[in-house]
Amino acid sequence: MKTALVHHPIYAKHDTGPGHPETPLRYMAVMDALREDDVFWQSLNEITPEKAAKGLIQAAHTPAHFKHVEFAFANGIDRLDPDTVVSMKSFDASLYAAGGAVAAVDAVMQGEVKNAFVAVRPPGHHATGENAMGFCLFNNVAVAARYAQNNYKEIERVAIIDWDVHHGNGTQGIFFADPSVHFFSMHQYPWYPGSGSRGETGFGRGVGTTMNVPVKAETPAAEQKRMFESALESIATNFRPDLIFISAGFDAHRTDPLGQLRLTDDDFVSMTRTVMDWADEVCDGRIVSCLEGGYNLETLGMTVKNHVAELNR
C-alpha cells in the first residue's frame, strides 16, 4: 500500500504577515519538493481533507477555546498570543488542518494506505486544551488521536512521538492524566515554551505515560539519535499502541533558525525508520505523521521529502 499525502491549498492561505517564521512559504517549499519528482509524486496517495467539525475539535479543546478562536476571526482580531498571528483565512485553515489529521486517520484505519503524512499549516502541538499559542490554533494531532479512539473500536491506546525542537506542551497537557495516550517529546531544553523536563511524567492515572527527553543545545546528532532510540525502546516495554502519531517538527535540523540542535536529513530518516519498525511490530504499521515546525525554507522541503520517502518505502 502507498503512503497518503494529505494537503489542502488553504494551508497556504493562513497569512502570518511579513517576517513571521511560520510563513505560507513553508507549505509551498514542502509541496514543491514532493512534486519535483513525478515518479515519487505518483507513488503517493493524495487526499484532500474536509473541515473538522466543531465537535471533533472540542474532543481535545474546551468549548471556550473554540469560541475564543471563532470570536477572534469574527471581530478582526489579528493575534491570539504574541506569536500566533492570524488573518482572514486562518480560521478555515485551522479547521482544515485538524481535518487533515482526521482524514489521515481514516485513510490508514480503512486500509487505503499503510501510513500518512499531513503537510499541514497551521501547526498544532503548542495549542493547549484551553489556549492557542506558539503559532498553533488547534492541536491537530490531539484532535485526530481523540477521533481515532472515539470512532474506531480497535484503537484504544495511542502513542504520540514529538521530535520538534520545541516541547509539545499543548499535546502533553491534553493527555497528561490519560493512561490511554503515551506522549513522548524529545526537544531542546531549556528552550521555548519552557516546559518538558524529565520530571513531567503524567498526572493521576496518567503517571508514566508522558516521557520527556530534554536535549542540550549543540548536542551531537549521534548522541541525540541514541537518546531517541533508547527512549522508544523503554516506552515499548510498557506500552503497546494501536496507532502511532508523529508530531514531525523539523526545526531540530542543524540549519534551522529557531533551534540549536544538530540533526540532519539522515537522522530524521533514521528516526522515521525506528518508529516504523515499532509500528510494524505492534500496530500493523499504522502511522500518521503531521508537520509541526521547520523554518529553513532552503532545507525544509527536502527534509520532509526524505521523511515521506522513508514512510513510503
C-alpha atoms as a PDB file:
ATOM      1  CA  MET A   1       0.000   0.000   0.000  1.00  0.00           C
ATOM      2  CA  LYS A   2       1.029   3.592  -0.596  1.00  0.00           C
ATOM      3  CA  THR A   3       1.656   6.435   1.809  1.00  0.00           C
ATOM      4  CA  ALA A   4      -1.088   9.068   1.887  1.00  0.00           C
ATOM      5  CA  LEU A   5      -0.163  12.699   1.393  1.00  0.00           C
ATOM      6  CA  VAL A   6      -2.878  14.866   2.927  1.00  0.00           C
ATOM      7  CA  HIS A   7      -2.841  18.518   1.924  1.00  0.00           C
ATOM      8  CA  HIS A   8      -5.112  21.413   1.015  1.00  0.00           C
ATOM      9  CA  PRO A   9      -4.403  24.689  -0.833  1.00  0.00           C
ATOM     10  CA  ILE A  10      -5.948  26.650   2.049  1.00  0.00           C
ATOM     11  CA  TYR A  11      -2.880  25.770   4.129  1.00  0.00           C
ATOM     12  CA  ALA A  12      -1.095  28.435   2.070  1.00  0.00           C
ATOM     13  CA  LYS A  13      -3.839  30.996   2.814  1.00  0.00           C
ATOM     14  CA  HIS A  14      -3.022  31.218   6.525  1.00  0.00           C
ATOM     15  CA  ASP A  15      -1.167  34.538   6.247  1.00  0.00           C
ATOM     16  CA  THR A  16       1.023  35.379   9.230  1.00  0.00           C
ATOM     17  CA  GLY A  17       2.447  38.589   7.767  1.00  0.00           C
ATOM     18  CA  PRO A  18       5.921  39.797   6.758  1.00  0.00           C
ATOM     19  CA  GLY A  19       8.840  38.353   8.661  1.00  0.00           C
ATOM     20  CA  HIS A  20       6.905  35.691  10.556  1.00  0.00           C
ATOM     21  CA  PRO A  21       8.770  32.359  10.520  1.00  0.00           C
ATOM     22  CA  GLU A  22       5.584  30.287  10.218  1.00  0.00           C
ATOM     23  CA  THR A  23       5.014  31.522   6.688  1.00  0.00           C
ATOM     24  CA  PRO A  24       2.914  30.147   3.811  1.00  0.00           C
ATOM     25  CA  LEU A  25       6.233  29.630   2.015  1.00  0.00           C
ATOM     26  CA  ARG A  26       6.792  26.636   4.308  1.00  0.00           C
ATOM     27  CA  TYR A  27       3.847  24.807   2.751  1.00  0.00           C
ATOM     28  CA  MET A  28       4.965  25.786  -0.729  1.00  0.00           C
ATOM     29  CA  ALA A  29       8.528  24.574  -0.093  1.00  0.00           C
ATOM     30  CA  VAL A  30       7.247  21.215   1.102  1.00  0.00           C
ATOM     31  CA  MET A  31       4.834  20.727  -1.783  1.00  0.00           C
ATOM     32  CA  ASP A  32       7.398  21.826  -4.389  1.00  0.00           C
ATOM     33  CA  ALA A  33       9.898  19.290  -3.070  1.00  0.00           C
ATOM     34  CA  LEU A  34       7.347  16.488  -3.061  1.00  0.00           C
ATOM     35  CA  ARG A  35       6.199  17.314  -6.597  1.00  0.00           C
ATOM     36  CA  GLU A  36       9.609  17.726  -8.240  1.00  0.00           C
ATOM     37  CA  ASP A  37       9.977  14.002  -8.984  1.00  0.00           C
ATOM     38  CA  ASP A  38       6.980  12.727 -10.969  1.00  0.00           C
ATOM     39  CA  VAL A  39       7.666   9.080 -10.146  1.00  0.00           C
ATOM     40  CA  PHE A  40       7.839   9.804  -6.430  1.00  0.00           C
ATOM     41  CA  TRP A  41       4.765  12.052  -6.534  1.00  0.00           C
ATOM     42  CA  GLN A  42       2.727   9.374  -8.293  1.00  0.00           C
ATOM     43  CA  SER A  43       3.745   6.838  -5.648  1.00  0.00           C
ATOM     44  CA  LEU A  44       1.767   8.811  -3.054  1.00  0.00           C
ATOM     45  CA  ASN A  45      -1.979   8.686  -2.483  1.00  0.00           C
ATOM     46  CA  GLU A  46      -3.166  12.310  -2.484  1.00  0.00           C
ATOM     47  CA  ILE A  47      -6.020  13.155  -0.131  1.00  0.00           C
ATOM     48  CA  THR A  48      -7.841  16.475   0.104  1.00  0.00           C
ATOM     49  CA  PRO A  49      -9.444  16.765   3.562  1.00  0.00           C
ATOM     50  CA  GLU A  50     -12.677  18.315   4.747  1.00  0.00           C
ATOM     51  CA  LYS A  51     -13.002  20.754   7.640  1.00  0.00           C
ATOM     52  CA  ALA A  52     -13.045  19.231  11.083  1.00  0.00           C
ATOM     53  CA  ALA A  53     -16.443  19.755  12.687  1.00  0.00           C
ATOM     54  CA  LYS A  54     -16.679  21.729  15.912  1.00  0.00           C
ATOM     55  CA  GLY A  55     -17.483  18.581  17.858  1.00  0.00           C
ATOM     56  CA  LEU A  56     -14.251  16.927  16.731  1.00  0.00           C
ATOM     57  CA  ILE A  57     -12.220  19.978  17.777  1.00  0.00           C
ATOM     58  CA  GLN A  58     -13.950  20.058  21.154  1.00  0.00           C
ATOM     59  CA  ALA A  59     -12.985  16.463  21.854  1.00  0.00           C
ATOM     60  CA  ALA A  60      -9.497  17.885  22.507  1.00  0.00           C
ATOM     61  CA  HIS A  61     -10.288  21.539  23.319  1.00  0.00           C
ATOM     62  CA  THR A  62     -12.724  23.281  25.607  1.00  0.00           C
ATOM     63  CA  PRO A  63     -15.819  24.910  24.088  1.00  0.00           C
ATOM     64  CA  ALA A  64     -14.495  28.210  25.448  1.00  0.00           C
ATOM     65  CA  HIS A  65     -11.286  27.837  23.435  1.00  0.00           C
ATOM     66  CA  PHE A  66     -13.202  27.131  20.229  1.00  0.00           C
ATOM     67  CA  LYS A  67     -15.452  30.131  20.861  1.00  0.00           C
ATOM     68  CA  HIS A  68     -12.446  32.366  21.581  1.00  0.00           C
ATOM     69  CA  VAL A  69     -10.781  31.467  18.268  1.00  0.00           C
ATOM     70  CA  GLU A  70     -14.053  31.847  16.398  1.00  0.00           C
ATOM     71  CA  PHE A  71     -14.684  35.222  18.082  1.00  0.00           C
ATOM     72  CA  ALA A  72     -11.236  36.489  17.099  1.00  0.00           C
ATOM     73  CA  PHE A  73     -11.950  35.982  13.418  1.00  0.00           C
ATOM     74  CA  ALA A  74     -15.466  37.350  13.609  1.00  0.00           C
ATOM     75  CA  ASN A  75     -14.141  40.536  15.202  1.00  0.00           C
ATOM     76  CA  GLY A  76     -10.973  41.155  13.222  1.00  0.00           C
ATOM     77  CA  ILE A  77      -8.505  40.262  15.982  1.00  0.00           C
ATOM     78  CA  ASP A  78      -5.184  39.535  14.298  1.00  0.00           C
ATOM     79  CA  ARG A  79      -3.196  37.963  17.135  1.00  0.00           C
ATOM     80  CA  LEU A  80      -4.185  35.180  19.537  1.00  0.00           C
ATOM     81  CA  ASP A  81      -0.970  35.404  21.533  1.00  0.00           C
ATOM     82  CA  PRO A  82       2.301  37.309  20.960  1.00  0.00           C
ATOM     83  CA  ASP A  83       3.499  34.671  18.454  1.00  0.00           C
ATOM     84  CA  THR A  84       0.228  33.473  16.956  1.00  0.00           C
ATOM     85  CA  VAL A  85      -0.770  35.804  14.125  1.00  0.00           C
ATOM     86  CA  VAL A  86      -3.972  35.188  12.198  1.00  0.00           C
ATOM     87  CA  SER A  87      -5.665  36.600   9.119  1.00  0.00           C
ATOM     88  CA  MET A  88      -8.902  36.296   7.177  1.00  0.00           C
ATOM     89  CA  LYS A  89      -8.413  32.680   6.055  1.00  0.00           C
ATOM     90  CA  SER A  90      -6.700  31.387   9.187  1.00  0.00           C
ATOM     91  CA  PHE A  91      -9.817  30.054  10.905  1.00  0.00           C
ATOM     92  CA  ASP A  92     -10.789  27.977   7.876  1.00  0.00           C
ATOM     93  CA  ALA A  93      -7.172  26.840   7.512  1.00  0.00           C
ATOM     94  CA  SER A  94      -7.125  25.706  11.139  1.00  0.00           C
ATOM     95  CA  LEU A  95     -10.306  23.665  10.652  1.00  0.00           C
ATOM     96  CA  TYR A  96      -8.891  22.067   7.510  1.00  0.00           C
ATOM     97  CA  ALA A  97      -5.630  21.472   9.407  1.00  0.00           C
ATOM     98  CA  ALA A  98      -7.356  19.409  12.074  1.00  0.00           C
ATOM     99  CA  GLY A  99      -9.468  17.870   9.322  1.00  0.00           C
ATOM    100  CA  GLY A 100      -6.302  16.828   7.528  1.00  0.00           C
ATOM    101  CA  ALA A 101      -5.126  14.828  10.521  1.00  0.00           C
ATOM    102  CA  VAL A 102      -8.585  13.258  10.820  1.00  0.00           C
ATOM    103  CA  ALA A 103      -8.601  12.346   7.117  1.00  0.00           C
ATOM    104  CA  ALA A 104      -5.210  10.711   7.548  1.00  0.00           C
ATOM    105  CA  VAL A 105      -6.586   8.571  10.377  1.00  0.00           C
ATOM    106  CA  ASP A 106      -9.486   7.452   8.176  1.00  0.00           C
ATOM    107  CA  ALA A 107      -7.186   6.563   5.274  1.00  0.00           C
ATOM    108  CA  VAL A 108      -4.931   4.470   7.497  1.00  0.00           C
ATOM    109  CA  MET A 109      -7.686   2.822   9.513  1.00  0.00           C
ATOM    110  CA  GLN A 110      -9.786   1.961   6.470  1.00  0.00           C
ATOM    111  CA  GLY A 111      -6.824   0.257   4.801  1.00  0.00           C
ATOM    112  CA  GLU A 112      -6.464   2.687   1.915  1.00  0.00           C
ATOM    113  CA  VAL A 113      -2.809   3.320   2.787  1.00  0.00           C
ATOM    114  CA  LYS A 114      -0.210   1.928   5.172  1.00  0.00           C
ATOM    115  CA  ASN A 115       0.598   5.326   6.724  1.00  0.00           C
ATOM    116  CA  ALA A 116       0.114   9.040   6.077  1.00  0.00           C
ATOM    117  CA  PHE A 117       1.853  12.401   6.132  1.00  0.00           C
ATOM    118  CA  VAL A 118      -0.146  15.610   6.593  1.00  0.00           C
ATOM    119  CA  ALA A 119       1.564  18.691   5.088  1.00  0.00           C
ATOM    120  CA  VAL A 120      -0.365  20.897   7.440  1.00  0.00           C
ATOM    121  CA  ARG A 121      -0.497  24.566   8.427  1.00  0.00           C
ATOM    122  CA  PRO A 122      -1.042  25.974  10.976  1.00  0.00           C
ATOM    123  CA  PRO A 123       0.876  23.543  13.183  1.00  0.00           C
ATOM    124  CA  GLY A 124      -0.690  22.285  16.398  1.00  0.00           C
ATOM    125  CA  HIS A 125       1.446  20.904  19.206  1.00  0.00           C
ATOM    126  CA  HIS A 126       1.617  24.089  21.313  1.00  0.00           C
ATOM    127  CA  ALA A 127      -2.170  24.566  21.346  1.00  0.00           C
ATOM    128  CA  THR A 128      -3.421  23.564  24.788  1.00  0.00           C
ATOM    129  CA  GLY A 129      -6.900  22.413  25.618  1.00  0.00           C
ATOM    130  CA  GLU A 130      -7.731  25.995  26.599  1.00  0.00           C
ATOM    131  CA  ASN A 131      -5.487  28.311  24.535  1.00  0.00           C
ATOM    132  CA  ALA A 132      -3.819  28.991  21.209  1.00  0.00           C
ATOM    133  CA  MET A 133      -0.090  29.639  21.444  1.00  0.00           C
ATOM    134  CA  GLY A 134       3.226  29.268  19.659  1.00  0.00           C
ATOM    135  CA  PHE A 135       1.879  29.571  16.068  1.00  0.00           C
ATOM    136  CA  CYS A 136      -0.804  26.929  16.869  1.00  0.00           C
ATOM    137  CA  LEU A 137      -4.592  27.412  16.926  1.00  0.00           C
ATOM    138  CA  PHE A 138      -5.935  23.875  17.384  1.00  0.00           C
ATOM    139  CA  ASN A 139      -3.912  20.793  18.252  1.00  0.00           C
ATOM    140  CA  ASN A 140      -4.146  18.730  15.072  1.00  0.00           C
ATOM    141  CA  VAL A 141      -2.598  15.556  16.459  1.00  0.00           C
ATOM    142  CA  ALA A 142      -4.651  15.679  19.660  1.00  0.00           C
ATOM    143  CA  VAL A 143      -7.890  16.138  17.714  1.00  0.00           C
ATOM    144  CA  ALA A 144      -7.000  13.210  15.452  1.00  0.00           C
ATOM    145  CA  ALA A 145      -5.970  10.975  18.362  1.00  0.00           C
ATOM    146  CA  ARG A 146      -9.294  11.545  20.095  1.00  0.00           C
ATOM    147  CA  TYR A 147     -11.105  10.997  16.791  1.00  0.00           C
ATOM    148  CA  ALA A 148      -9.337   7.668  16.295  1.00  0.00           C
ATOM    149  CA  GLN A 149     -10.223   6.476  19.794  1.00  0.00           C
ATOM    150  CA  ASN A 150     -13.832   7.611  19.521  1.00  0.00           C
ATOM    151  CA  ASN A 151     -14.521   6.262  16.033  1.00  0.00           C
ATOM    152  CA  TYR A 152     -12.523   3.034  15.667  1.00  0.00           C
ATOM    153  CA  LYS A 153     -13.146   0.315  18.225  1.00  0.00           C
ATOM    154  CA  GLU A 154      -9.741  -1.246  17.565  1.00  0.00           C
ATOM    155  CA  ILE A 155      -7.979   1.953  18.698  1.00  0.00           C
ATOM    156  CA  GLU A 156      -7.727   2.017  22.481  1.00  0.00           C
ATOM    157  CA  ARG A 157      -4.121   3.113  23.031  1.00  0.00           C
ATOM    158  CA  VAL A 158      -2.309   5.810  21.062  1.00  0.00           C
ATOM    159  CA  ALA A 159       1.338   6.858  21.087  1.00  0.00           C
ATOM    160  CA  ILE A 160       2.405  10.367  20.065  1.00  0.00           C
ATOM    161  CA  ILE A 161       6.071  10.866  19.157  1.00  0.00           C
ATOM    162  CA  ASP A 162       7.086  14.545  19.059  1.00  0.00           C
ATOM    163  CA  TRP A 163      10.591  15.340  17.771  1.00  0.00           C
ATOM    164  CA  ASP A 164      10.092  19.062  17.177  1.00  0.00           C
ATOM    165  CA  VAL A 165      12.886  21.228  18.623  1.00  0.00           C
ATOM    166  CA  HIS A 166      10.258  22.800  20.926  1.00  0.00           C
ATOM    167  CA  HIS A 167       8.445  20.855  23.612  1.00  0.00           C
ATOM    168  CA  GLY A 168       4.905  19.847  22.654  1.00  0.00           C
ATOM    169  CA  ASN A 169       3.390  21.388  25.752  1.00  0.00           C
ATOM    170  CA  GLY A 170      -0.131  21.526  24.358  1.00  0.00           C
ATOM    171  CA  THR A 171      -0.259  17.846  23.456  1.00  0.00           C
ATOM    172  CA  GLN A 172       1.288  16.910  26.789  1.00  0.00           C
ATOM    173  CA  GLY A 173      -1.279  18.929  28.695  1.00  0.00           C
ATOM    174  CA  ILE A 174      -4.270  17.490  26.860  1.00  0.00           C
ATOM    175  CA  PHE A 175      -3.231  13.906  27.647  1.00  0.00           C
ATOM    176  CA  PHE A 176      -1.306  14.405  30.912  1.00  0.00           C
ATOM    177  CA  ALA A 177      -3.804  12.445  33.017  1.00  0.00           C
ATOM    178  CA  ASP A 178      -4.851   9.965  30.308  1.00  0.00           C
ATOM    179  CA  PRO A 179      -3.283   6.490  30.536  1.00  0.00           C
ATOM    180  CA  SER A 180      -4.556   5.557  27.066  1.00  0.00           C
ATOM    181  CA  VAL A 181      -2.237   8.045  25.305  1.00  0.00           C
ATOM    182  CA  HIS A 182       1.530   7.879  25.689  1.00  0.00           C
ATOM    183  CA  PHE A 183       3.138  11.211  24.836  1.00  0.00           C
ATOM    184  CA  PHE A 184       6.887  11.306  24.146  1.00  0.00           C
ATOM    185  CA  SER A 185       8.731  14.537  23.368  1.00  0.00           C
ATOM    186  CA  MET A 186      12.412  14.957  22.538  1.00  0.00           C
ATOM    187  CA  HIS A 187      13.288  18.643  22.381  1.00  0.00           C
ATOM    188  CA  GLN A 188      15.889  21.306  23.081  1.00  0.00           C
ATOM    189  CA  TYR A 189      15.881  22.306  26.747  1.00  0.00           C
ATOM    190  CA  PRO A 190      15.805  24.891  28.155  1.00  0.00           C
ATOM    191  CA  TRP A 191      14.006  26.476  25.219  1.00  0.00           C
ATOM    192  CA  TYR A 192      10.544  27.731  24.260  1.00  0.00           C
ATOM    193  CA  PRO A 193       7.994  27.175  25.803  1.00  0.00           C
ATOM    194  CA  GLY A 194       9.976  26.356  28.946  1.00  0.00           C
ATOM    195  CA  SER A 195       8.289  23.049  29.780  1.00  0.00           C
ATOM    196  CA  GLY A 196       9.377  19.488  29.099  1.00  0.00           C
ATOM    197  CA  SER A 197      11.632  18.474  31.973  1.00  0.00           C
ATOM    198  CA  ARG A 198      12.260  14.819  32.757  1.00  0.00           C
ATOM    199  CA  GLY A 199      10.150  15.181  35.896  1.00  0.00           C
ATOM    200  CA  GLU A 200       6.966  15.760  33.870  1.00  0.00           C
ATOM    201  CA  THR A 201       5.696  12.180  33.625  1.00  0.00           C
ATOM    202  CA  GLY A 202       1.923  12.497  33.877  1.00  0.00           C
ATOM    203  CA  PHE A 203      -0.737  13.061  36.496  1.00  0.00           C
ATOM    204  CA  GLY A 204      -3.144  10.771  38.333  1.00  0.00           C
ATOM    205  CA  ARG A 205      -3.944   7.676  36.279  1.00  0.00           C
ATOM    206  CA  GLY A 206      -1.701   9.078  33.552  1.00  0.00           C
ATOM    207  CA  VAL A 207       1.512   8.913  35.585  1.00  0.00           C
ATOM    208  CA  GLY A 208       4.095   7.078  33.499  1.00  0.00           C
ATOM    209  CA  THR A 209       2.502   7.790  30.112  1.00  0.00           C
ATOM    210  CA  THR A 210       4.380  11.024  29.481  1.00  0.00           C
ATOM    211  CA  MET A 211       8.105  10.896  28.731  1.00  0.00           C
ATOM    212  CA  ASN A 212      10.267  13.933  28.058  1.00  0.00           C
ATOM    213  CA  VAL A 213      13.836  13.758  26.792  1.00  0.00           C
ATOM    214  CA  PRO A 214      15.328  17.249  27.117  1.00  0.00           C
ATOM    215  CA  VAL A 215      18.360  17.808  24.887  1.00  0.00           C
ATOM    216  CA  LYS A 216      21.029  20.451  25.422  1.00  0.00           C
ATOM    217  CA  ALA A 217      21.806  22.896  22.616  1.00  0.00           C
ATOM    218  CA  GLU A 218      24.547  21.705  20.243  1.00  0.00           C
ATOM    219  CA  THR A 219      24.248  18.076  21.348  1.00  0.00           C
ATOM    220  CA  PRO A 220      25.903  15.913  18.665  1.00  0.00           C
ATOM    221  CA  ALA A 221      23.351  14.314  16.355  1.00  0.00           C
ATOM    222  CA  ALA A 222      24.595  10.782  17.008  1.00  0.00           C
ATOM    223  CA  GLU A 223      24.069  11.244  20.737  1.00  0.00           C
ATOM    224  CA  GLN A 224      20.593  12.677  20.259  1.00  0.00           C
ATOM    225  CA  LYS A 225      19.631   9.816  17.968  1.00  0.00           C
ATOM    226  CA  ARG A 226      20.788   7.301  20.597  1.00  0.00           C
ATOM    227  CA  MET A 227      18.641   9.116  23.160  1.00  0.00           C
ATOM    228  CA  PHE A 228      15.658   8.826  20.841  1.00  0.00           C
ATOM    229  CA  GLU A 229      16.157   5.117  20.196  1.00  0.00           C
ATOM    230  CA  SER A 230      16.688   4.374  23.886  1.00  0.00           C
ATOM    231  CA  ALA A 231      13.516   6.254  24.834  1.00  0.00           C
ATOM    232  CA  LEU A 232      11.367   4.393  22.309  1.00  0.00           C
ATOM    233  CA  GLU A 233      12.800   1.089  23.473  1.00  0.00           C
ATOM    234  CA  SER A 234      11.887   1.991  27.042  1.00  0.00           C
ATOM    235  CA  ILE A 235       8.342   3.043  26.095  1.00  0.00           C
ATOM    236  CA  ALA A 236       7.827  -0.143  24.099  1.00  0.00           C
ATOM    237  CA  THR A 237       8.448  -2.325  27.153  1.00  0.00           C
ATOM    238  CA  ASN A 238       5.368  -0.931  28.910  1.00  0.00           C
ATOM    239  CA  PHE A 239       3.045   0.459  26.246  1.00  0.00           C
ATOM    240  CA  ARG A 240       1.634  -1.190  23.139  1.00  0.00           C
ATOM    241  CA  PRO A 241      -0.164   1.370  20.950  1.00  0.00           C
ATOM    242  CA  ASP A 242      -2.834   0.610  18.391  1.00  0.00           C
ATOM    243  CA  LEU A 243      -1.906   3.715  16.363  1.00  0.00           C
ATOM    244  CA  ILE A 244       1.167   5.957  16.349  1.00  0.00           C
ATOM    245  CA  PHE A 245       1.264   9.666  15.574  1.00  0.00           C
ATOM    246  CA  ILE A 246       4.399  11.653  14.808  1.00  0.00           C
ATOM    247  CA  SER A 247       4.435  15.366  15.561  1.00  0.00           C
ATOM    248  CA  ALA A 248       7.010  15.852  12.851  1.00  0.00           C
ATOM    249  CA  GLY A 249       8.771  19.112  13.535  1.00  0.00           C
ATOM    250  CA  PHE A 250      11.944  19.556  11.500  1.00  0.00           C
ATOM    251  CA  ASP A 251      13.316  22.562  13.387  1.00  0.00           C
ATOM    252  CA  ALA A 252      15.795  20.316  15.208  1.00  0.00           C
ATOM    253  CA  HIS A 253      17.643  20.330  11.870  1.00  0.00           C
ATOM    254  CA  ARG A 254      21.159  21.717  12.118  1.00  0.00           C
ATOM    255  CA  THR A 255      20.309  24.568   9.715  1.00  0.00           C
ATOM    256  CA  ASP A 256      17.096  25.746  11.371  1.00  0.00           C
ATOM    257  CA  PRO A 257      16.976  29.371  12.564  1.00  0.00           C
ATOM    258  CA  LEU A 258      14.664  28.621  15.531  1.00  0.00           C
ATOM    259  CA  GLY A 259      16.684  25.828  17.113  1.00  0.00           C
ATOM    260  CA  GLN A 260      20.186  24.922  18.193  1.00  0.00           C
ATOM    261  CA  LEU A 261      20.241  21.163  17.649  1.00  0.00           C
ATOM    262  CA  ARG A 262      22.304  19.286  15.084  1.00  0.00           C
ATOM    263  CA  LEU A 263      20.118  16.717  13.307  1.00  0.00           C
ATOM    264  CA  THR A 264      20.485  16.096   9.563  1.00  0.00           C
ATOM    265  CA  ASP A 265      18.137  14.655   6.971  1.00  0.00           C
ATOM    266  CA  ASP A 266      19.717  11.238   7.504  1.00  0.00           C
ATOM    267  CA  ASP A 267      18.972  11.444  11.226  1.00  0.00           C
ATOM    268  CA  PHE A 268      15.300  12.213  10.603  1.00  0.00           C
ATOM    269  CA  VAL A 269      15.154   9.275   8.177  1.00  0.00           C
ATOM    270  CA  SER A 270      16.713   7.015  10.804  1.00  0.00           C
ATOM    271  CA  MET A 271      14.216   8.148  13.462  1.00  0.00           C
ATOM    272  CA  THR A 272      11.377   7.611  10.981  1.00  0.00           C
ATOM    273  CA  ARG A 273      12.575   4.051  10.410  1.00  0.00           C
ATOM    274  CA  THR A 274      12.791   3.443  14.174  1.00  0.00           C
ATOM    275  CA  VAL A 275       9.153   4.491  14.586  1.00  0.00           C
ATOM    276  CA  MET A 276       8.129   2.413  11.571  1.00  0.00           C
ATOM    277  CA  ASP A 277       9.820  -0.685  12.978  1.00  0.00           C
ATOM    278  CA  TRP A 278       7.901  -0.229  16.238  1.00  0.00           C
ATOM    279  CA  ALA A 279       4.652   0.335  14.352  1.00  0.00           C
ATOM    280  CA  ASP A 280       5.222  -2.796  12.259  1.00  0.00           C
ATOM    281  CA  GLU A 281       5.681  -4.775  15.457  1.00  0.00           C
ATOM    282  CA  VAL A 282       2.688  -3.502  17.432  1.00  0.00           C
ATOM    283  CA  CYS A 283       0.025  -1.936  15.189  1.00  0.00           C
ATOM    284  CA  ASP A 284       0.302  -3.216  11.623  1.00  0.00           C
ATOM    285  CA  GLY A 285       2.458  -0.238  10.639  1.00  0.00           C
ATOM    286  CA  ARG A 286      -0.245   2.347  11.326  1.00  0.00           C
ATOM    287  CA  ILE A 287       1.394   5.809  11.494  1.00  0.00           C
ATOM    288  CA  VAL A 288       0.017   9.301  10.960  1.00  0.00           C
ATOM    289  CA  SER A 289       2.731  11.968  10.710  1.00  0.00           C
ATOM    290  CA  CYS A 290       1.771  15.646  10.912  1.00  0.00           C
ATOM    291  CA  LEU A 291       4.038  18.576  10.094  1.00  0.00           C
ATOM    292  CA  GLU A 292       4.861  20.807  13.032  1.00  0.00           C
ATOM    293  CA  GLY A 293       7.908  23.124  12.928  1.00  0.00           C
ATOM    294  CA  GLY A 294      10.743  23.577  10.431  1.00  0.00           C
ATOM    295  CA  TYR A 295      11.649  27.088   9.325  1.00  0.00           C
ATOM    296  CA  ASN A 296      14.632  26.965   6.978  1.00  0.00           C
ATOM    297  CA  LEU A 297      12.954  27.367   3.608  1.00  0.00           C
ATOM    298  CA  GLU A 298      16.054  26.175   1.763  1.00  0.00           C
ATOM    299  CA  THR A 299      16.193  22.811   3.530  1.00  0.00           C
ATOM    300  CA  LEU A 300      12.681  22.066   4.801  1.00  0.00           C
ATOM    301  CA  GLY A 301      11.277  20.701   1.550  1.00  0.00           C
ATOM    302  CA  MET A 302      13.984  18.104   1.030  1.00  0.00           C
ATOM    303  CA  THR A 303      13.967  17.110   4.720  1.00  0.00           C
ATOM    304  CA  VAL A 304      10.225  16.455   4.553  1.00  0.00           C
ATOM    305  CA  LYS A 305      10.600  14.620   1.230  1.00  0.00           C
ATOM    306  CA  ASN A 306      13.162  12.272   2.755  1.00  0.00           C
ATOM    307  CA  HIS A 307      10.858  11.631   5.721  1.00  0.00           C
ATOM    308  CA  VAL A 308       7.921  10.860   3.414  1.00  0.00           C
ATOM    309  CA  ALA A 309      10.092   8.707   1.163  1.00  0.00           C
ATOM    310  CA  GLU A 310      11.062   6.604   4.178  1.00  0.00           C
ATOM    311  CA  LEU A 311       7.409   6.252   5.182  1.00  0.00           C
ATOM    312  CA  ASN A 312       6.700   5.143   1.608  1.00  0.00           C
ATOM    313  CA  ARG A 313       9.447   2.506   1.408  1.00  0.00           C
END
